């Protein structure tokens, strides 16, 4: 489980294409400290398993399902990525509950900078619209953000300078894809309410 508080901006150093998967090597001095085989690290909001670890780099295998449902398939050598280790039990939940399971992808539609923050508009797949509400939480490329406005096929978020400086959202331009994970609590509530028997 993650919180959506990005620990560092890492970099893809190698990509190996396999028959039905890809193997990525990524650099991240903070997240690799103490890392070992089998540990989890979120890469742009996708929970990946450490296969190998050497120095400040680690490798992770990404299966076809993940490549198809996320933006990881578009990563290349030199791509910058958001990295986060799982939350330690008893630690502060700085963002919100993030599973690292991408629900879909959107794209940056517009950026409106101001003196101290920036408003970013992102497209939203139709099947995720019902989970996104004004002032609710959403994960964009692994970043826990608060929804400013929730439209029929888009939402907006306000980004402070720290987020712009320390995450990929400072680099994304209109047309660039992003991974989206909606609030898991909303999905569970929907499932539970849908399974309730209606009594007369």
N, C-alpha and C. Protein backbone atom coordinates (compact mmCIF):
# COMPACT_ATOMS: atom_id res chain seq x y z
N UNK A 1 0.84 -1.19 0.00
CA UNK A 1 0.00 0.00 0.00
C UNK A 1 0.89 1.25 0.00
N UNK A 2 0.44 2.26 -0.74
CA UNK A 2 1.20 3.50 -0.86
C UNK A 2 0.33 4.68 -0.41
N UNK A 3 0.92 5.86 -0.36
CA UNK A 3 0.15 7.04 0.06
C UNK A 3 0.06 8.09 -1.03
N UNK A 4 0.80 7.91 -2.13
CA UNK A 4 0.77 8.91 -3.19
C UNK A 4 1.67 10.10 -2.93
N UNK A 5 2.57 9.96 -1.95
CA UNK A 5 3.57 11.00 -1.69
C UNK A 5 4.88 10.55 -2.34
N UNK A 6 5.19 11.11 -3.50
CA UNK A 6 6.36 10.69 -4.27
C UNK A 6 7.64 10.98 -3.49
N UNK A 7 8.51 9.98 -3.43
CA UNK A 7 9.76 10.14 -2.68
C UNK A 7 10.88 10.73 -3.53
N UNK A 8 10.87 10.40 -4.82
CA UNK A 8 11.91 10.96 -5.68
C UNK A 8 11.53 10.80 -7.14
N UNK A 9 12.17 11.63 -7.95
CA UNK A 9 12.01 11.57 -9.40
C UNK A 9 13.14 10.70 -9.94
N UNK A 10 12.79 9.49 -10.38
CA UNK A 10 13.79 8.56 -10.87
C UNK A 10 13.92 8.61 -12.37
N UNK A 11 14.69 7.65 -12.90
CA UNK A 11 14.95 7.63 -14.34
C UNK A 11 15.05 6.20 -14.85
N UNK A 12 14.49 5.95 -16.03
CA UNK A 12 14.62 4.65 -16.68
C UNK A 12 16.01 4.58 -17.31
N UNK A 13 16.78 3.54 -16.97
CA UNK A 13 18.13 3.41 -17.52
C UNK A 13 18.25 2.29 -18.55
N UNK A 14 17.27 1.37 -18.59
CA UNK A 14 17.29 0.32 -19.61
C UNK A 14 15.90 -0.27 -19.74
N UNK A 15 15.56 -0.71 -20.95
CA UNK A 15 14.29 -1.38 -21.22
C UNK A 15 14.58 -2.60 -22.07
N UNK A 16 14.14 -3.76 -21.60
CA UNK A 16 14.32 -5.01 -22.34
C UNK A 16 12.94 -5.56 -22.68
N UNK A 17 12.67 -5.74 -23.98
CA UNK A 17 11.39 -6.28 -24.42
C UNK A 17 11.44 -7.80 -24.39
N UNK A 18 10.46 -8.41 -23.72
CA UNK A 18 10.34 -9.85 -23.65
C UNK A 18 9.14 -10.28 -24.49
N UNK A 19 8.84 -11.57 -24.56
CA UNK A 19 7.75 -12.05 -25.41
C UNK A 19 6.41 -11.42 -25.05
N UNK A 20 6.08 -11.42 -23.77
CA UNK A 20 4.78 -10.89 -23.33
C UNK A 20 4.95 -9.97 -22.13
N UNK A 21 6.10 -9.33 -22.06
CA UNK A 21 6.39 -8.45 -20.93
C UNK A 21 7.57 -7.55 -21.28
N UNK A 22 7.94 -6.71 -20.34
CA UNK A 22 9.13 -5.88 -20.47
C UNK A 22 9.85 -5.87 -19.14
N UNK A 23 11.17 -5.75 -19.20
CA UNK A 23 11.97 -5.62 -17.98
C UNK A 23 12.59 -4.22 -17.98
N UNK A 24 12.31 -3.48 -16.92
CA UNK A 24 12.83 -2.12 -16.79
C UNK A 24 13.94 -2.07 -15.75
N UNK A 25 14.96 -1.29 -16.02
CA UNK A 25 15.94 -0.95 -15.00
C UNK A 25 15.78 0.53 -14.70
N UNK A 26 15.67 0.86 -13.42
CA UNK A 26 15.37 2.22 -13.02
C UNK A 26 16.35 2.68 -11.96
N UNK A 27 16.68 3.97 -12.01
CA UNK A 27 17.58 4.55 -11.01
C UNK A 27 16.78 5.36 -10.01
N UNK A 28 17.06 5.12 -8.73
CA UNK A 28 16.40 5.86 -7.65
C UNK A 28 17.15 5.66 -6.36
N UNK A 29 18.10 6.52 -6.04
CA UNK A 29 18.93 6.33 -4.84
C UNK A 29 18.15 6.23 -3.54
N UNK A 30 17.04 6.95 -3.41
CA UNK A 30 16.27 6.92 -2.17
C UNK A 30 15.50 5.62 -2.02
N UNK A 31 14.75 5.23 -3.06
CA UNK A 31 13.89 4.05 -2.94
C UNK A 31 14.68 2.75 -2.96
N UNK A 32 15.91 2.78 -3.46
CA UNK A 32 16.71 1.55 -3.49
C UNK A 32 17.50 1.34 -2.21
N UNK A 33 17.51 2.32 -1.33
CA UNK A 33 18.24 2.16 -0.07
C UNK A 33 17.59 1.04 0.76
N UNK A 34 18.33 -0.02 0.96
CA UNK A 34 17.81 -1.14 1.72
C UNK A 34 16.87 -2.05 0.94
N UNK A 35 16.70 -1.79 -0.36
CA UNK A 35 15.79 -2.61 -1.17
C UNK A 35 16.34 -4.02 -1.35
N UNK A 36 15.43 -4.97 -1.49
CA UNK A 36 15.83 -6.36 -1.73
C UNK A 36 14.84 -7.02 -2.66
N UNK A 37 15.24 -8.17 -3.15
CA UNK A 37 14.40 -8.93 -4.07
C UNK A 37 13.01 -9.17 -3.47
N UNK A 38 11.97 -8.88 -4.26
CA UNK A 38 10.60 -9.09 -3.81
C UNK A 38 9.94 -7.88 -3.21
N UNK A 39 10.71 -6.82 -2.94
CA UNK A 39 10.10 -5.59 -2.41
C UNK A 39 9.24 -4.92 -3.47
N UNK A 40 8.31 -4.09 -3.03
CA UNK A 40 7.46 -3.33 -3.93
C UNK A 40 7.93 -1.88 -4.02
N UNK A 41 7.88 -1.34 -5.23
CA UNK A 41 8.15 0.08 -5.46
C UNK A 41 7.14 0.56 -6.49
N UNK A 42 6.48 1.67 -6.22
CA UNK A 42 5.53 2.24 -7.17
C UNK A 42 6.28 3.09 -8.18
N UNK A 43 6.02 2.81 -9.46
CA UNK A 43 6.64 3.54 -10.57
C UNK A 43 5.52 4.22 -11.35
N UNK A 44 5.45 5.53 -11.28
CA UNK A 44 4.35 6.29 -11.89
C UNK A 44 2.99 5.73 -11.47
N UNK A 45 2.93 5.33 -10.21
CA UNK A 45 1.65 4.85 -9.67
C UNK A 45 1.38 3.39 -9.88
N UNK A 46 2.31 2.65 -10.48
CA UNK A 46 2.12 1.23 -10.72
C UNK A 46 3.00 0.45 -9.74
N UNK A 47 2.40 -0.42 -8.97
CA UNK A 47 3.15 -1.24 -8.00
C UNK A 47 3.94 -2.31 -8.74
N UNK A 48 5.27 -2.23 -8.66
CA UNK A 48 6.14 -3.20 -9.31
C UNK A 48 6.98 -3.92 -8.25
N UNK A 49 7.44 -5.11 -8.60
CA UNK A 49 8.24 -5.93 -7.70
C UNK A 49 9.70 -5.88 -8.11
N UNK A 50 10.56 -5.64 -7.13
CA UNK A 50 12.00 -5.59 -7.38
C UNK A 50 12.50 -7.00 -7.71
N UNK A 51 13.12 -7.14 -8.89
CA UNK A 51 13.70 -8.41 -9.30
C UNK A 51 15.18 -8.45 -8.90
N UNK A 52 15.89 -7.39 -9.23
CA UNK A 52 17.30 -7.27 -8.88
C UNK A 52 17.57 -5.88 -8.36
N UNK A 53 18.60 -5.75 -7.56
CA UNK A 53 18.96 -4.44 -7.00
C UNK A 53 20.48 -4.35 -6.93
N UNK A 54 21.02 -3.30 -7.52
CA UNK A 54 22.46 -3.09 -7.49
C UNK A 54 22.73 -1.59 -7.44
N UNK A 55 23.44 -1.17 -6.41
CA UNK A 55 23.73 0.26 -6.26
C UNK A 55 22.45 1.05 -6.10
N UNK A 56 22.29 2.08 -6.92
CA UNK A 56 21.08 2.91 -6.85
C UNK A 56 20.08 2.57 -7.95
N UNK A 57 20.18 1.34 -8.50
CA UNK A 57 19.27 0.91 -9.55
C UNK A 57 18.57 -0.39 -9.17
N UNK A 58 17.38 -0.59 -9.73
CA UNK A 58 16.67 -1.85 -9.55
C UNK A 58 15.99 -2.23 -10.85
N UNK A 59 15.70 -3.50 -11.01
CA UNK A 59 14.98 -3.97 -12.19
C UNK A 59 13.62 -4.51 -11.76
N UNK A 60 12.66 -4.40 -12.67
CA UNK A 60 11.31 -4.89 -12.41
C UNK A 60 10.71 -5.39 -13.71
N UNK A 61 10.00 -6.51 -13.63
CA UNK A 61 9.31 -7.07 -14.79
C UNK A 61 7.88 -6.52 -14.83
N UNK A 62 7.44 -6.16 -16.03
CA UNK A 62 6.09 -5.62 -16.22
C UNK A 62 5.37 -6.48 -17.24
N UNK A 63 4.30 -7.16 -16.80
CA UNK A 63 3.57 -8.06 -17.70
C UNK A 63 2.71 -7.28 -18.68
N UNK A 64 2.24 -8.00 -19.71
CA UNK A 64 1.48 -7.37 -20.79
C UNK A 64 0.23 -6.65 -20.28
N UNK A 65 -0.47 -7.26 -19.30
CA UNK A 65 -1.67 -6.64 -18.75
C UNK A 65 -1.38 -5.25 -18.21
N UNK A 66 -0.26 -5.10 -17.50
CA UNK A 66 0.11 -3.81 -16.93
C UNK A 66 0.53 -2.84 -18.03
N UNK A 67 1.27 -3.33 -19.01
CA UNK A 67 1.70 -2.47 -20.12
C UNK A 67 0.49 -1.94 -20.89
N UNK A 68 -0.54 -2.77 -21.02
CA UNK A 68 -1.73 -2.38 -21.78
C UNK A 68 -2.63 -1.43 -21.00
N UNK A 69 -2.66 -1.54 -19.67
CA UNK A 69 -3.58 -0.74 -18.87
C UNK A 69 -2.96 0.54 -18.31
N UNK A 70 -1.67 0.70 -18.50
CA UNK A 70 -0.98 1.86 -17.94
C UNK A 70 -0.13 2.53 -19.02
N UNK A 71 0.58 3.57 -18.61
CA UNK A 71 1.46 4.27 -19.55
C UNK A 71 2.88 3.73 -19.53
N UNK A 72 3.14 2.67 -18.77
CA UNK A 72 4.51 2.17 -18.65
C UNK A 72 5.07 1.67 -19.98
N UNK A 73 4.19 1.22 -20.87
CA UNK A 73 4.65 0.74 -22.17
C UNK A 73 5.28 1.83 -23.02
N UNK A 74 5.01 3.07 -22.68
CA UNK A 74 5.58 4.19 -23.45
C UNK A 74 6.92 4.68 -22.90
N UNK A 75 7.35 4.10 -21.77
CA UNK A 75 8.61 4.53 -21.17
C UNK A 75 9.79 4.10 -22.02
N UNK A 76 10.81 4.94 -22.05
CA UNK A 76 12.03 4.64 -22.79
C UNK A 76 13.23 5.04 -21.94
N UNK A 77 14.41 4.68 -22.36
CA UNK A 77 15.61 5.07 -21.64
C UNK A 77 15.66 6.59 -21.53
N UNK A 78 15.84 7.08 -20.32
CA UNK A 78 15.87 8.52 -20.08
C UNK A 78 14.57 9.08 -19.56
N UNK A 79 13.49 8.30 -19.65
CA UNK A 79 12.19 8.78 -19.13
C UNK A 79 12.29 8.99 -17.63
N UNK A 80 11.69 10.08 -17.15
CA UNK A 80 11.64 10.34 -15.71
C UNK A 80 10.38 9.72 -15.15
N UNK A 81 10.48 9.19 -13.94
CA UNK A 81 9.35 8.49 -13.32
C UNK A 81 9.24 8.85 -11.84
N UNK A 82 8.01 8.83 -11.34
CA UNK A 82 7.76 9.04 -9.92
C UNK A 82 7.98 7.73 -9.18
N UNK A 83 8.72 7.77 -8.08
CA UNK A 83 9.01 6.56 -7.32
C UNK A 83 8.57 6.72 -5.87
N UNK A 84 8.00 5.65 -5.33
CA UNK A 84 7.57 5.64 -3.93
C UNK A 84 7.66 4.23 -3.38
N UNK A 85 8.22 4.09 -2.17
CA UNK A 85 8.21 2.81 -1.48
C UNK A 85 6.88 2.65 -0.74
N UNK A 86 6.52 1.41 -0.39
CA UNK A 86 5.27 1.20 0.34
C UNK A 86 5.30 1.90 1.70
N UNK A 87 4.12 2.23 2.19
CA UNK A 87 4.01 2.86 3.50
C UNK A 87 4.34 1.85 4.60
N UNK A 88 5.13 2.28 5.56
CA UNK A 88 5.45 1.42 6.70
C UNK A 88 4.28 1.44 7.68
N UNK A 89 4.00 0.29 8.28
CA UNK A 89 2.92 0.21 9.26
C UNK A 89 3.19 1.17 10.42
N UNK A 90 2.23 2.01 10.72
CA UNK A 90 2.38 2.98 11.79
C UNK A 90 2.89 4.33 11.32
N UNK A 91 3.22 4.43 10.02
CA UNK A 91 3.70 5.71 9.48
C UNK A 91 2.52 6.64 9.22
N UNK A 92 2.81 7.92 9.02
CA UNK A 92 1.77 8.90 8.71
C UNK A 92 1.24 8.68 7.29
N UNK A 93 -0.07 8.77 7.16
CA UNK A 93 -0.70 8.65 5.85
C UNK A 93 -0.80 10.06 5.26
N UNK A 94 0.27 10.48 4.58
CA UNK A 94 0.35 11.85 4.11
C UNK A 94 -0.57 12.17 2.95
N UNK A 95 -0.89 11.18 2.14
CA UNK A 95 -1.77 11.41 1.01
C UNK A 95 -3.11 10.73 1.25
N UNK A 96 -3.37 9.64 0.50
CA UNK A 96 -4.55 8.83 0.75
C UNK A 96 -4.19 7.38 0.41
N UNK A 97 -5.10 6.45 0.62
CA UNK A 97 -4.81 5.04 0.38
C UNK A 97 -4.65 4.81 -1.13
N UNK A 98 -3.45 4.40 -1.53
CA UNK A 98 -3.14 4.15 -2.93
C UNK A 98 -2.65 2.71 -3.05
N UNK A 99 -3.25 1.95 -3.94
CA UNK A 99 -2.89 0.54 -4.08
C UNK A 99 -1.77 0.30 -5.09
N UNK A 100 -1.61 1.21 -6.02
CA UNK A 100 -0.66 0.97 -7.09
C UNK A 100 -1.26 0.14 -8.21
N UNK A 101 -2.60 0.11 -8.27
CA UNK A 101 -3.33 -0.62 -9.31
C UNK A 101 -4.02 0.41 -10.20
N UNK A 102 -3.48 0.63 -11.37
CA UNK A 102 -4.00 1.65 -12.27
C UNK A 102 -5.38 1.27 -12.81
N UNK A 103 -6.32 2.20 -12.72
CA UNK A 103 -7.68 1.97 -13.21
C UNK A 103 -7.86 2.36 -14.66
N UNK A 104 -7.01 3.24 -15.14
CA UNK A 104 -7.11 3.71 -16.52
C UNK A 104 -6.10 4.80 -16.77
N UNK A 105 -6.11 5.32 -17.97
CA UNK A 105 -5.19 6.41 -18.30
C UNK A 105 -5.97 7.62 -18.81
N UNK A 106 -5.40 8.78 -18.57
CA UNK A 106 -5.94 10.02 -19.10
C UNK A 106 -4.82 10.75 -19.81
N UNK A 107 -5.08 11.99 -20.16
CA UNK A 107 -4.06 12.80 -20.82
C UNK A 107 -4.17 14.23 -20.32
N UNK A 108 -3.04 14.89 -20.23
CA UNK A 108 -3.05 16.30 -19.86
C UNK A 108 -3.71 17.08 -21.00
N UNK A 109 -4.73 17.86 -20.65
CA UNK A 109 -5.45 18.64 -21.65
C UNK A 109 -5.01 20.10 -21.69
N UNK A 110 -4.71 20.63 -20.50
CA UNK A 110 -4.42 22.06 -20.43
C UNK A 110 -3.67 22.37 -19.14
N UNK A 111 -2.81 23.38 -19.20
CA UNK A 111 -2.10 23.86 -18.01
C UNK A 111 -2.30 25.37 -17.92
N UNK A 112 -2.69 25.82 -16.73
CA UNK A 112 -2.88 27.25 -16.51
C UNK A 112 -2.01 27.69 -15.34
N UNK A 113 -0.86 28.25 -15.62
CA UNK A 113 0.04 28.66 -14.53
C UNK A 113 -0.42 29.96 -13.88
N UNK A 114 -0.11 30.11 -12.60
CA UNK A 114 -0.32 31.37 -11.90
C UNK A 114 0.96 31.63 -11.10
N UNK A 115 0.93 32.62 -10.25
CA UNK A 115 2.16 33.01 -9.57
C UNK A 115 2.68 31.94 -8.61
N UNK A 116 1.76 31.28 -7.87
CA UNK A 116 2.20 30.35 -6.84
C UNK A 116 1.71 28.92 -7.02
N UNK A 117 0.96 28.63 -8.05
CA UNK A 117 0.44 27.29 -8.28
C UNK A 117 0.04 27.17 -9.74
N UNK A 118 -0.34 25.97 -10.16
CA UNK A 118 -0.72 25.74 -11.55
C UNK A 118 -1.94 24.83 -11.59
N UNK A 119 -2.91 25.19 -12.41
CA UNK A 119 -4.11 24.37 -12.58
C UNK A 119 -3.91 23.48 -13.81
N UNK A 120 -4.09 22.17 -13.61
CA UNK A 120 -3.90 21.22 -14.70
C UNK A 120 -5.21 20.48 -14.95
N UNK A 121 -5.63 20.45 -16.21
CA UNK A 121 -6.84 19.76 -16.62
C UNK A 121 -6.46 18.44 -17.28
N UNK A 122 -7.10 17.35 -16.84
CA UNK A 122 -6.75 16.00 -17.29
C UNK A 122 -8.01 15.28 -17.77
N UNK A 123 -7.91 14.58 -18.89
CA UNK A 123 -9.07 13.84 -19.40
C UNK A 123 -9.35 12.64 -18.50
N UNK A 124 -10.62 12.23 -18.50
CA UNK A 124 -11.07 11.16 -17.61
C UNK A 124 -11.90 10.15 -18.39
N UNK A 125 -11.51 8.86 -18.40
CA UNK A 125 -12.31 7.84 -19.09
C UNK A 125 -13.72 7.78 -18.54
N UNK A 126 -14.68 7.52 -19.41
CA UNK A 126 -16.09 7.53 -19.02
C UNK A 126 -16.39 6.57 -17.87
N UNK A 127 -15.73 5.41 -17.84
CA UNK A 127 -16.05 4.43 -16.80
C UNK A 127 -15.48 4.79 -15.44
N UNK A 128 -14.68 5.86 -15.35
CA UNK A 128 -14.14 6.29 -14.06
C UNK A 128 -14.81 7.56 -13.53
N UNK A 129 -15.64 8.18 -14.34
CA UNK A 129 -16.24 9.46 -13.97
C UNK A 129 -16.98 9.40 -12.64
N UNK A 130 -17.71 8.33 -12.40
CA UNK A 130 -18.54 8.23 -11.19
C UNK A 130 -17.72 8.17 -9.91
N UNK A 131 -16.44 7.87 -10.00
CA UNK A 131 -15.60 7.76 -8.81
C UNK A 131 -14.87 9.06 -8.46
N UNK A 132 -14.99 10.06 -9.31
CA UNK A 132 -14.23 11.30 -9.13
C UNK A 132 -15.18 12.41 -8.72
N UNK A 133 -14.92 13.00 -7.56
CA UNK A 133 -15.80 14.04 -7.04
C UNK A 133 -14.97 15.26 -6.63
N UNK A 134 -15.61 16.41 -6.65
CA UNK A 134 -14.96 17.64 -6.24
C UNK A 134 -14.45 17.51 -4.80
N UNK A 135 -13.20 17.89 -4.60
CA UNK A 135 -12.50 17.82 -3.32
C UNK A 135 -12.22 16.39 -2.85
N UNK A 136 -12.43 15.42 -3.75
CA UNK A 136 -12.07 14.04 -3.45
C UNK A 136 -10.62 13.79 -3.82
N UNK A 137 -10.16 12.57 -3.58
CA UNK A 137 -8.78 12.22 -3.89
C UNK A 137 -8.68 11.43 -5.18
N UNK A 138 -7.59 11.64 -5.90
CA UNK A 138 -7.29 10.85 -7.10
C UNK A 138 -5.78 10.74 -7.20
N UNK A 139 -5.32 9.65 -7.79
CA UNK A 139 -3.89 9.44 -7.97
C UNK A 139 -3.55 9.62 -9.44
N UNK A 140 -2.62 10.52 -9.73
CA UNK A 140 -2.17 10.79 -11.09
C UNK A 140 -0.69 10.48 -11.17
N UNK A 141 -0.32 9.47 -11.95
CA UNK A 141 1.08 9.03 -12.05
C UNK A 141 1.68 8.78 -10.67
N UNK A 142 0.85 8.24 -9.77
CA UNK A 142 1.34 7.90 -8.43
C UNK A 142 1.32 9.04 -7.44
N UNK A 143 0.78 10.19 -7.83
CA UNK A 143 0.75 11.37 -6.96
C UNK A 143 -0.65 11.54 -6.38
N UNK A 144 -0.74 11.60 -5.07
CA UNK A 144 -2.03 11.84 -4.41
C UNK A 144 -2.40 13.31 -4.57
N UNK A 145 -3.54 13.54 -5.23
CA UNK A 145 -3.97 14.91 -5.50
C UNK A 145 -5.44 15.09 -5.12
N UNK A 146 -5.81 16.35 -4.88
CA UNK A 146 -7.19 16.70 -4.57
C UNK A 146 -7.86 17.25 -5.82
N UNK A 147 -9.03 16.72 -6.13
CA UNK A 147 -9.78 17.18 -7.30
C UNK A 147 -10.35 18.57 -7.04
N UNK A 148 -10.08 19.50 -7.95
CA UNK A 148 -10.64 20.85 -7.85
C UNK A 148 -12.02 20.87 -8.49
N UNK A 149 -12.10 20.39 -9.71
CA UNK A 149 -13.37 20.38 -10.45
C UNK A 149 -13.51 19.03 -11.14
N UNK A 150 -14.69 18.42 -11.05
CA UNK A 150 -14.96 17.13 -11.69
C UNK A 150 -15.99 17.33 -12.78
N UNK A 151 -15.55 17.21 -14.04
CA UNK A 151 -16.46 17.37 -15.16
C UNK A 151 -16.92 16.02 -15.70
N UNK A 152 -17.69 16.02 -16.78
CA UNK A 152 -18.22 14.78 -17.34
C UNK A 152 -17.14 13.89 -17.96
N UNK A 153 -16.05 14.49 -18.44
CA UNK A 153 -14.97 13.70 -19.05
C UNK A 153 -13.59 14.28 -18.74
N UNK A 154 -13.52 15.02 -17.64
CA UNK A 154 -12.24 15.61 -17.23
C UNK A 154 -12.29 15.94 -15.74
N UNK A 155 -11.12 16.24 -15.20
CA UNK A 155 -11.05 16.80 -13.85
C UNK A 155 -9.85 17.74 -13.82
N UNK A 156 -9.82 18.61 -12.81
CA UNK A 156 -8.69 19.52 -12.67
C UNK A 156 -8.06 19.34 -11.29
N UNK A 157 -6.77 19.64 -11.23
CA UNK A 157 -6.03 19.60 -9.97
C UNK A 157 -5.14 20.83 -9.91
N UNK A 158 -4.89 21.32 -8.71
CA UNK A 158 -3.97 22.44 -8.51
C UNK A 158 -2.65 21.90 -7.99
N UNK A 159 -1.57 22.32 -8.59
CA UNK A 159 -0.25 21.82 -8.22
C UNK A 159 0.58 22.93 -7.61
N UNK A 160 1.12 22.64 -6.42
CA UNK A 160 1.99 23.60 -5.75
C UNK A 160 3.40 23.46 -6.32
N UNK A 161 4.27 24.44 -6.08
CA UNK A 161 5.65 24.38 -6.62
C UNK A 161 6.39 23.11 -6.27
N UNK A 162 6.21 22.58 -5.06
CA UNK A 162 6.90 21.35 -4.66
C UNK A 162 6.52 20.19 -5.57
N UNK A 163 5.23 20.05 -5.87
CA UNK A 163 4.77 18.99 -6.76
C UNK A 163 5.33 19.18 -8.17
N UNK A 164 5.35 20.42 -8.63
CA UNK A 164 5.87 20.71 -9.96
C UNK A 164 7.37 20.41 -10.05
N UNK A 165 8.10 20.68 -8.97
CA UNK A 165 9.55 20.51 -8.98
C UNK A 165 9.98 19.06 -8.79
N UNK A 166 9.21 18.29 -8.00
CA UNK A 166 9.68 16.98 -7.56
C UNK A 166 8.96 15.79 -8.20
N UNK A 167 8.04 16.04 -9.15
CA UNK A 167 7.33 14.94 -9.80
C UNK A 167 7.27 15.16 -11.31
N UNK A 168 6.81 14.13 -12.00
CA UNK A 168 6.70 14.21 -13.46
C UNK A 168 5.65 15.21 -13.92
N UNK A 169 4.72 15.59 -13.05
CA UNK A 169 3.70 16.54 -13.48
C UNK A 169 4.28 17.92 -13.77
N UNK A 170 5.47 18.19 -13.29
CA UNK A 170 6.14 19.43 -13.67
C UNK A 170 6.66 19.39 -15.09
N UNK A 171 6.74 18.18 -15.67
CA UNK A 171 7.29 18.00 -17.01
C UNK A 171 6.23 17.71 -18.06
N UNK A 172 5.08 17.22 -17.64
CA UNK A 172 4.04 16.81 -18.58
C UNK A 172 3.46 18.00 -19.34
N UNK A 173 3.25 17.79 -20.64
CA UNK A 173 2.67 18.81 -21.51
C UNK A 173 1.34 18.32 -22.07
N UNK A 174 0.49 19.23 -22.58
CA UNK A 174 -0.78 18.80 -23.16
C UNK A 174 -0.57 17.68 -24.19
N UNK A 175 -1.37 16.64 -24.04
CA UNK A 175 -1.26 15.48 -24.91
C UNK A 175 -0.52 14.32 -24.26
N UNK A 176 0.26 14.60 -23.21
CA UNK A 176 1.02 13.54 -22.54
C UNK A 176 0.08 12.66 -21.71
N UNK A 177 0.25 11.34 -21.77
CA UNK A 177 -0.61 10.43 -21.00
C UNK A 177 -0.19 10.34 -19.55
N UNK A 178 -1.16 10.00 -18.69
CA UNK A 178 -0.91 9.81 -17.26
C UNK A 178 -1.70 8.61 -16.76
N UNK A 179 -1.17 7.95 -15.73
CA UNK A 179 -1.88 6.85 -15.08
C UNK A 179 -2.85 7.41 -14.05
N UNK A 180 -4.02 6.79 -13.96
CA UNK A 180 -5.04 7.23 -13.01
C UNK A 180 -5.46 6.07 -12.11
N UNK A 181 -5.54 6.35 -10.82
CA UNK A 181 -6.12 5.40 -9.87
C UNK A 181 -7.13 6.16 -9.02
N UNK A 182 -8.38 5.73 -9.08
CA UNK A 182 -9.42 6.40 -8.30
C UNK A 182 -9.41 5.87 -6.87
N UNK A 183 -10.15 6.53 -6.01
CA UNK A 183 -10.21 6.16 -4.60
C UNK A 183 -10.82 4.77 -4.45
N UNK A 184 -10.06 3.83 -3.90
CA UNK A 184 -10.52 2.44 -3.78
C UNK A 184 -11.76 2.35 -2.89
N UNK A 185 -11.91 3.25 -1.93
CA UNK A 185 -13.08 3.20 -1.05
C UNK A 185 -14.36 3.39 -1.85
N UNK A 186 -14.32 4.29 -2.84
CA UNK A 186 -15.50 4.52 -3.68
C UNK A 186 -15.89 3.26 -4.44
N UNK A 187 -14.91 2.51 -4.90
CA UNK A 187 -15.19 1.28 -5.65
C UNK A 187 -15.81 0.21 -4.75
N UNK A 188 -15.30 0.09 -3.53
CA UNK A 188 -15.86 -0.89 -2.60
C UNK A 188 -17.29 -0.52 -2.20
N UNK A 189 -17.52 0.77 -1.95
CA UNK A 189 -18.87 1.21 -1.58
C UNK A 189 -19.84 0.90 -2.71
N UNK A 190 -19.44 1.18 -3.95
CA UNK A 190 -20.31 0.91 -5.09
C UNK A 190 -20.65 -0.58 -5.17
N UNK A 191 -19.64 -1.41 -5.00
CA UNK A 191 -19.87 -2.86 -5.09
C UNK A 191 -20.79 -3.34 -3.98
N UNK A 192 -20.58 -2.86 -2.77
CA UNK A 192 -21.42 -3.27 -1.64
C UNK A 192 -22.85 -2.79 -1.79
N UNK A 193 -23.03 -1.55 -2.23
CA UNK A 193 -24.37 -1.02 -2.41
C UNK A 193 -25.10 -1.75 -3.54
N UNK A 194 -24.36 -2.13 -4.58
CA UNK A 194 -24.96 -2.82 -5.70
C UNK A 194 -25.38 -4.23 -5.36
N UNK A 195 -24.75 -4.81 -4.34
CA UNK A 195 -25.06 -6.20 -3.98
C UNK A 195 -26.13 -6.30 -2.90
N UNK A 196 -26.57 -5.16 -2.39
CA UNK A 196 -27.60 -5.19 -1.34
C UNK A 196 -28.95 -5.58 -1.92
N UNK A 197 -29.66 -6.42 -1.20
CA UNK A 197 -31.01 -6.80 -1.64
C UNK A 197 -31.98 -5.68 -1.32
N UNK A 198 -32.81 -5.37 -2.31
CA UNK A 198 -33.81 -4.32 -2.11
C UNK A 198 -35.06 -4.97 -1.52
N UNK A 199 -35.46 -4.50 -0.36
CA UNK A 199 -36.65 -5.06 0.28
C UNK A 199 -37.83 -4.10 0.13
N UNK A 200 -39.01 -4.61 -0.08
CA UNK A 200 -40.18 -3.75 -0.26
C UNK A 200 -40.56 -3.05 1.03
